[in-house]
N, C-alpha and C. Protein backbone atom coordinates (compact mmCIF):
# COMPACT_ATOMS: atom_id res chain seq x y z
N MET A 1 -75.19 222.74 -9.69
CA MET A 1 -75.76 222.48 -8.35
C MET A 1 -77.08 223.24 -8.22
N GLN A 2 -78.10 222.54 -7.82
CA GLN A 2 -79.40 223.15 -7.63
C GLN A 2 -79.51 223.78 -6.24
N ILE A 3 -80.02 225.01 -6.19
CA ILE A 3 -80.31 225.68 -4.91
C ILE A 3 -81.66 226.40 -5.08
N PRO A 4 -82.74 225.70 -4.83
CA PRO A 4 -84.07 226.30 -5.04
C PRO A 4 -84.33 227.51 -4.14
N GLU A 5 -85.02 228.48 -4.73
CA GLU A 5 -85.49 229.65 -3.97
C GLU A 5 -86.62 229.21 -3.04
N GLY A 6 -86.86 229.98 -2.00
CA GLY A 6 -87.99 229.74 -1.13
C GLY A 6 -87.73 228.76 0.00
N LEU A 7 -86.52 228.17 0.03
CA LEU A 7 -86.14 227.29 1.12
C LEU A 7 -85.16 228.02 2.03
N ARG A 8 -84.95 227.47 3.20
CA ARG A 8 -83.91 227.97 4.12
C ARG A 8 -82.85 226.87 4.21
N TYR A 9 -81.61 227.30 4.43
CA TYR A 9 -80.47 226.39 4.40
C TYR A 9 -79.61 226.51 5.64
N THR A 10 -79.08 225.37 6.11
CA THR A 10 -78.21 225.38 7.27
C THR A 10 -76.76 225.31 6.82
N ASP A 11 -75.84 225.60 7.73
CA ASP A 11 -74.43 225.48 7.37
C ASP A 11 -73.95 224.03 7.42
N ASN A 12 -74.86 223.10 7.76
CA ASN A 12 -74.57 221.66 7.68
C ASN A 12 -75.17 221.06 6.42
N HIS A 13 -75.67 221.90 5.53
CA HIS A 13 -76.21 221.50 4.20
C HIS A 13 -77.56 220.79 4.26
N GLU A 14 -78.38 221.18 5.24
CA GLU A 14 -79.77 220.74 5.25
C GLU A 14 -80.62 221.86 4.64
N TRP A 15 -81.74 221.50 4.04
CA TRP A 15 -82.69 222.50 3.59
C TRP A 15 -83.99 222.34 4.38
N VAL A 16 -84.76 223.43 4.48
CA VAL A 16 -86.03 223.41 5.18
C VAL A 16 -87.06 224.14 4.35
N ALA A 17 -88.20 223.50 4.17
CA ALA A 17 -89.35 224.13 3.51
C ALA A 17 -90.45 224.23 4.54
N VAL A 18 -91.05 225.43 4.67
CA VAL A 18 -92.16 225.59 5.60
C VAL A 18 -93.46 225.40 4.83
N GLU A 19 -94.28 224.43 5.31
CA GLU A 19 -95.54 224.10 4.66
C GLU A 19 -96.58 223.91 5.76
N ASP A 20 -97.62 224.72 5.72
CA ASP A 20 -98.73 224.60 6.68
C ASP A 20 -98.24 224.62 8.13
N GLY A 21 -97.28 225.51 8.41
CA GLY A 21 -96.79 225.65 9.78
C GLY A 21 -95.86 224.52 10.24
N MET A 22 -95.42 223.68 9.31
CA MET A 22 -94.51 222.57 9.62
C MET A 22 -93.24 222.76 8.81
N ALA A 23 -92.16 222.10 9.26
CA ALA A 23 -90.86 222.18 8.57
C ALA A 23 -90.54 220.84 7.92
N ARG A 24 -90.45 220.84 6.61
CA ARG A 24 -89.99 219.64 5.86
C ARG A 24 -88.49 219.77 5.70
N VAL A 25 -87.75 218.72 6.02
CA VAL A 25 -86.28 218.79 6.08
C VAL A 25 -85.65 217.73 5.17
N GLY A 26 -84.57 218.14 4.49
CA GLY A 26 -83.81 217.21 3.66
C GLY A 26 -82.38 217.71 3.59
N ILE A 27 -81.57 217.05 2.77
CA ILE A 27 -80.21 217.54 2.55
C ILE A 27 -80.11 218.13 1.16
N THR A 28 -79.17 219.04 0.99
CA THR A 28 -79.04 219.78 -0.25
C THR A 28 -78.39 218.94 -1.37
N ASP A 29 -78.50 219.45 -2.57
CA ASP A 29 -77.85 218.86 -3.71
C ASP A 29 -76.35 218.79 -3.48
N TYR A 30 -75.80 219.84 -2.91
CA TYR A 30 -74.36 219.89 -2.60
C TYR A 30 -73.98 218.73 -1.67
N ALA A 31 -74.79 218.50 -0.64
CA ALA A 31 -74.51 217.45 0.35
C ALA A 31 -74.60 216.07 -0.29
N GLN A 32 -75.66 215.82 -1.05
CA GLN A 32 -75.79 214.48 -1.64
C GLN A 32 -74.67 214.21 -2.62
N ASP A 33 -74.21 215.25 -3.34
CA ASP A 33 -73.12 215.08 -4.29
C ASP A 33 -71.82 214.79 -3.57
N ALA A 34 -71.60 215.47 -2.45
CA ALA A 34 -70.37 215.22 -1.65
C ALA A 34 -70.37 213.82 -1.03
N LEU A 35 -71.55 213.34 -0.64
CA LEU A 35 -71.65 212.02 -0.05
C LEU A 35 -71.43 210.91 -1.06
N GLY A 36 -71.83 211.10 -2.28
CA GLY A 36 -71.79 210.02 -3.28
C GLY A 36 -73.07 209.21 -3.19
N ASP A 37 -73.02 208.00 -3.69
CA ASP A 37 -74.21 207.15 -3.77
C ASP A 37 -74.72 206.78 -2.38
N VAL A 38 -75.92 207.23 -2.04
CA VAL A 38 -76.52 206.92 -0.74
C VAL A 38 -77.06 205.48 -0.77
N VAL A 39 -76.67 204.68 0.24
CA VAL A 39 -77.09 203.28 0.28
C VAL A 39 -77.99 202.94 1.47
N PHE A 40 -78.03 203.84 2.47
CA PHE A 40 -78.87 203.57 3.66
C PHE A 40 -79.13 204.87 4.38
N VAL A 41 -80.34 205.00 4.96
CA VAL A 41 -80.69 206.16 5.77
C VAL A 41 -81.35 205.66 7.04
N ASP A 42 -80.88 206.13 8.18
CA ASP A 42 -81.47 205.80 9.47
C ASP A 42 -82.25 207.02 9.93
N LEU A 43 -83.57 206.93 9.85
CA LEU A 43 -84.45 208.06 10.21
C LEU A 43 -85.08 207.82 11.59
N PRO A 44 -85.47 208.93 12.24
CA PRO A 44 -86.13 208.77 13.54
C PRO A 44 -87.56 208.29 13.35
N GLU A 45 -88.18 207.86 14.43
CA GLU A 45 -89.59 207.46 14.38
C GLU A 45 -90.47 208.68 14.56
N GLU A 46 -91.70 208.63 14.04
CA GLU A 46 -92.65 209.67 14.28
C GLU A 46 -92.84 209.82 15.78
N GLY A 47 -92.94 211.05 16.25
CA GLY A 47 -93.10 211.34 17.66
C GLY A 47 -91.79 211.61 18.38
N THR A 48 -90.66 211.40 17.69
CA THR A 48 -89.35 211.65 18.31
C THR A 48 -89.18 213.14 18.53
N GLU A 49 -88.74 213.51 19.72
CA GLU A 49 -88.41 214.90 20.06
C GLU A 49 -86.97 215.16 19.65
N VAL A 50 -86.72 216.27 18.95
CA VAL A 50 -85.38 216.63 18.53
C VAL A 50 -85.05 218.03 18.98
N SER A 51 -83.75 218.28 19.16
CA SER A 51 -83.27 219.61 19.57
C SER A 51 -82.47 220.22 18.45
N ILE A 52 -82.63 221.52 18.29
CA ILE A 52 -81.92 222.24 17.24
C ILE A 52 -80.41 222.00 17.34
N GLY A 53 -79.84 221.71 16.17
CA GLY A 53 -78.40 221.49 16.09
C GLY A 53 -77.94 220.09 16.46
N GLU A 54 -78.86 219.25 16.91
CA GLU A 54 -78.50 217.88 17.29
C GLU A 54 -78.79 216.92 16.12
N PRO A 55 -77.99 215.86 15.97
CA PRO A 55 -78.27 214.90 14.92
C PRO A 55 -79.57 214.15 15.16
N PHE A 56 -80.35 213.96 14.08
CA PHE A 56 -81.60 213.21 14.19
C PHE A 56 -81.68 212.07 13.18
N ALA A 57 -80.75 212.03 12.24
CA ALA A 57 -80.74 210.98 11.22
C ALA A 57 -79.29 210.74 10.81
N GLU A 58 -79.08 209.59 10.16
CA GLU A 58 -77.75 209.24 9.70
C GLU A 58 -77.87 208.72 8.25
N ILE A 59 -76.91 209.14 7.41
CA ILE A 59 -76.89 208.75 6.02
C ILE A 59 -75.60 207.95 5.80
N GLU A 60 -75.74 206.80 5.14
CA GLU A 60 -74.57 206.02 4.76
C GLU A 60 -74.49 206.06 3.24
N SER A 61 -73.28 206.33 2.74
CA SER A 61 -73.05 206.31 1.31
C SER A 61 -71.87 205.41 1.02
N THR A 62 -71.56 205.31 -0.28
CA THR A 62 -70.40 204.51 -0.66
C THR A 62 -69.10 205.14 -0.20
N LYS A 63 -69.14 206.44 0.14
CA LYS A 63 -67.94 207.16 0.55
C LYS A 63 -67.81 207.31 2.07
N SER A 64 -68.93 207.52 2.77
CA SER A 64 -68.85 207.85 4.19
C SER A 64 -70.21 207.69 4.90
N VAL A 65 -70.18 208.05 6.16
CA VAL A 65 -71.39 208.11 6.98
C VAL A 65 -71.50 209.56 7.48
N ALA A 66 -72.69 210.14 7.44
CA ALA A 66 -72.88 211.51 7.88
C ALA A 66 -74.15 211.66 8.71
N ASP A 67 -74.11 212.58 9.66
CA ASP A 67 -75.28 212.92 10.47
C ASP A 67 -76.09 213.99 9.75
N VAL A 68 -77.39 214.01 10.03
CA VAL A 68 -78.29 215.06 9.58
C VAL A 68 -78.76 215.77 10.85
N TYR A 69 -78.65 217.10 10.88
CA TYR A 69 -78.92 217.88 12.07
C TYR A 69 -80.28 218.59 12.03
N ALA A 70 -80.91 218.69 13.17
CA ALA A 70 -82.22 219.33 13.27
C ALA A 70 -82.09 220.85 13.12
N PRO A 71 -82.85 221.44 12.19
CA PRO A 71 -82.80 222.90 12.02
C PRO A 71 -83.67 223.65 13.04
N ILE A 72 -84.57 222.92 13.70
CA ILE A 72 -85.40 223.50 14.75
C ILE A 72 -85.54 222.46 15.88
N SER A 73 -85.99 222.92 17.03
CA SER A 73 -86.39 221.98 18.08
C SER A 73 -87.87 221.67 17.91
N GLY A 74 -88.22 220.42 18.09
CA GLY A 74 -89.61 220.08 17.94
C GLY A 74 -89.83 218.58 17.87
N THR A 75 -90.91 218.18 17.23
CA THR A 75 -91.33 216.80 17.16
C THR A 75 -91.41 216.36 15.70
N VAL A 76 -90.91 215.17 15.43
CA VAL A 76 -91.04 214.58 14.09
C VAL A 76 -92.47 214.08 13.94
N VAL A 77 -93.18 214.63 12.94
CA VAL A 77 -94.58 214.24 12.74
C VAL A 77 -94.77 213.38 11.51
N ALA A 78 -93.76 213.31 10.63
CA ALA A 78 -93.83 212.43 9.47
C ALA A 78 -92.39 212.05 9.06
N VAL A 79 -92.28 210.82 8.56
CA VAL A 79 -90.98 210.30 8.12
C VAL A 79 -91.17 209.80 6.69
N ASN A 80 -90.21 210.07 5.84
CA ASN A 80 -90.27 209.64 4.44
C ASN A 80 -89.92 208.15 4.35
N GLU A 81 -90.93 207.31 4.37
CA GLU A 81 -90.75 205.86 4.34
C GLU A 81 -90.20 205.36 3.01
N LEU A 82 -90.34 206.17 1.95
CA LEU A 82 -89.78 205.80 0.64
C LEU A 82 -88.28 205.57 0.74
N LEU A 83 -87.60 206.30 1.62
CA LEU A 83 -86.14 206.20 1.72
C LEU A 83 -85.68 204.86 2.30
N GLU A 84 -86.58 204.19 3.02
CA GLU A 84 -86.21 202.89 3.60
C GLU A 84 -85.86 201.88 2.48
N ASP A 85 -86.68 201.85 1.43
CA ASP A 85 -86.45 200.91 0.33
C ASP A 85 -85.68 201.54 -0.83
N ALA A 86 -85.64 202.86 -0.91
CA ALA A 86 -85.01 203.55 -2.04
C ALA A 86 -84.18 204.74 -1.56
N PRO A 87 -83.12 204.51 -0.76
CA PRO A 87 -82.32 205.62 -0.26
C PRO A 87 -81.65 206.43 -1.36
N GLU A 88 -81.47 205.83 -2.54
CA GLU A 88 -80.85 206.53 -3.65
C GLU A 88 -81.70 207.70 -4.16
N THR A 89 -82.97 207.76 -3.72
CA THR A 89 -83.82 208.90 -4.05
C THR A 89 -83.22 210.21 -3.57
N ILE A 90 -82.44 210.15 -2.51
CA ILE A 90 -81.78 211.36 -1.99
C ILE A 90 -80.82 211.90 -3.07
N ASN A 91 -80.16 211.02 -3.80
CA ASN A 91 -79.26 211.45 -4.86
C ASN A 91 -80.00 211.99 -6.06
N SER A 92 -81.08 211.33 -6.46
CA SER A 92 -81.78 211.71 -7.67
C SER A 92 -82.76 212.87 -7.50
N ASP A 93 -83.27 213.09 -6.28
CA ASP A 93 -84.29 214.11 -6.07
C ASP A 93 -84.20 214.68 -4.66
N PRO A 94 -83.08 215.33 -4.32
CA PRO A 94 -82.87 215.78 -2.92
C PRO A 94 -83.91 216.78 -2.43
N TYR A 95 -84.49 217.58 -3.33
CA TYR A 95 -85.46 218.61 -2.90
C TYR A 95 -86.90 218.16 -3.09
N GLY A 96 -87.11 216.99 -3.66
CA GLY A 96 -88.46 216.49 -3.89
C GLY A 96 -88.72 215.28 -3.05
N ASP A 97 -88.74 214.10 -3.71
CA ASP A 97 -89.04 212.85 -3.01
C ASP A 97 -87.95 212.42 -2.01
N GLY A 98 -86.80 213.08 -2.04
CA GLY A 98 -85.70 212.72 -1.14
C GLY A 98 -85.73 213.41 0.21
N TRP A 99 -86.85 214.00 0.61
CA TRP A 99 -86.96 214.64 1.92
C TRP A 99 -86.86 213.58 3.02
N PHE A 100 -86.48 214.03 4.23
CA PHE A 100 -86.27 213.11 5.36
C PHE A 100 -87.47 213.06 6.31
N VAL A 101 -87.79 214.21 6.92
CA VAL A 101 -88.85 214.27 7.92
C VAL A 101 -89.63 215.56 7.79
N VAL A 102 -90.81 215.56 8.42
CA VAL A 102 -91.57 216.78 8.64
C VAL A 102 -91.62 216.95 10.16
N MET A 103 -91.34 218.19 10.60
CA MET A 103 -91.30 218.49 12.03
C MET A 103 -92.25 219.62 12.36
N GLU A 104 -92.78 219.58 13.61
CA GLU A 104 -93.49 220.74 14.12
C GLU A 104 -92.70 221.24 15.31
N GLY A 105 -92.68 222.56 15.45
CA GLY A 105 -91.91 223.14 16.55
C GLY A 105 -91.78 224.63 16.35
N ASP A 106 -90.77 225.21 16.95
CA ASP A 106 -90.55 226.66 16.92
C ASP A 106 -89.88 227.04 15.61
N LEU A 107 -90.69 227.54 14.66
CA LEU A 107 -90.18 227.90 13.36
C LEU A 107 -89.41 229.22 13.34
N SER A 108 -89.43 229.95 14.44
CA SER A 108 -88.71 231.23 14.48
C SER A 108 -87.21 231.04 14.28
N ALA A 109 -86.68 229.86 14.64
CA ALA A 109 -85.25 229.59 14.45
C ALA A 109 -84.87 229.59 12.98
N LEU A 110 -85.81 229.39 12.09
CA LEU A 110 -85.51 229.35 10.66
C LEU A 110 -85.13 230.72 10.13
N GLU A 111 -85.51 231.78 10.82
CA GLU A 111 -85.17 233.13 10.39
C GLU A 111 -83.68 233.36 10.34
N SER A 112 -82.92 232.63 11.16
CA SER A 112 -81.46 232.80 11.18
C SER A 112 -80.75 231.97 10.12
N LEU A 113 -81.48 231.13 9.40
CA LEU A 113 -80.86 230.29 8.37
C LEU A 113 -80.68 231.08 7.08
N MET A 114 -79.86 230.53 6.18
CA MET A 114 -79.54 231.20 4.93
C MET A 114 -80.65 231.04 3.90
N ASP A 115 -80.82 232.09 3.07
CA ASP A 115 -81.70 231.97 1.91
C ASP A 115 -80.87 231.37 0.78
N ALA A 116 -81.47 231.19 -0.39
CA ALA A 116 -80.79 230.54 -1.50
C ALA A 116 -79.51 231.28 -1.94
N ALA A 117 -79.56 232.61 -2.00
CA ALA A 117 -78.39 233.38 -2.41
C ALA A 117 -77.24 233.24 -1.43
N ALA A 118 -77.55 233.33 -0.15
CA ALA A 118 -76.52 233.19 0.88
C ALA A 118 -75.94 231.78 0.89
N TYR A 119 -76.80 230.77 0.69
CA TYR A 119 -76.31 229.39 0.66
C TYR A 119 -75.44 229.15 -0.56
N ALA A 120 -75.80 229.72 -1.69
CA ALA A 120 -74.98 229.57 -2.90
C ALA A 120 -73.58 230.11 -2.64
N GLU A 121 -73.50 231.27 -2.02
CA GLU A 121 -72.20 231.87 -1.71
C GLU A 121 -71.44 231.00 -0.69
N PHE A 122 -72.16 230.52 0.32
CA PHE A 122 -71.55 229.69 1.38
C PHE A 122 -70.97 228.38 0.80
N SER A 123 -71.66 227.78 -0.14
CA SER A 123 -71.25 226.46 -0.61
C SER A 123 -70.30 226.49 -1.81
N GLU A 124 -69.87 227.68 -2.21
CA GLU A 124 -68.89 227.78 -3.32
C GLU A 124 -67.55 227.22 -2.96
């Protein structure tokens, strides 16, 4: 299971990368593996306001349907349109091309999230 350093992790198995004052969000390798083959992703539109801890996206796999939760409160400023035609990218590259959205908002909430070591212990 991959758990890259330098990201922050939620207890709902989302990862967050801070880039240029924005938060790029996706699901972890652990989460994509637990879901199985991803067949559809319902992402919010750019400009959508989201609240921390609330679902903002939905993933459908061959096994189940799962919500993706916002790690911060803010606004969706970019959506990964690649996932519309190739949702399986989440399985093959969860930390790269399989990202979901980029958000702007209060990044101070990220300080309470887990680092890679803490997430590795949490997900054992």
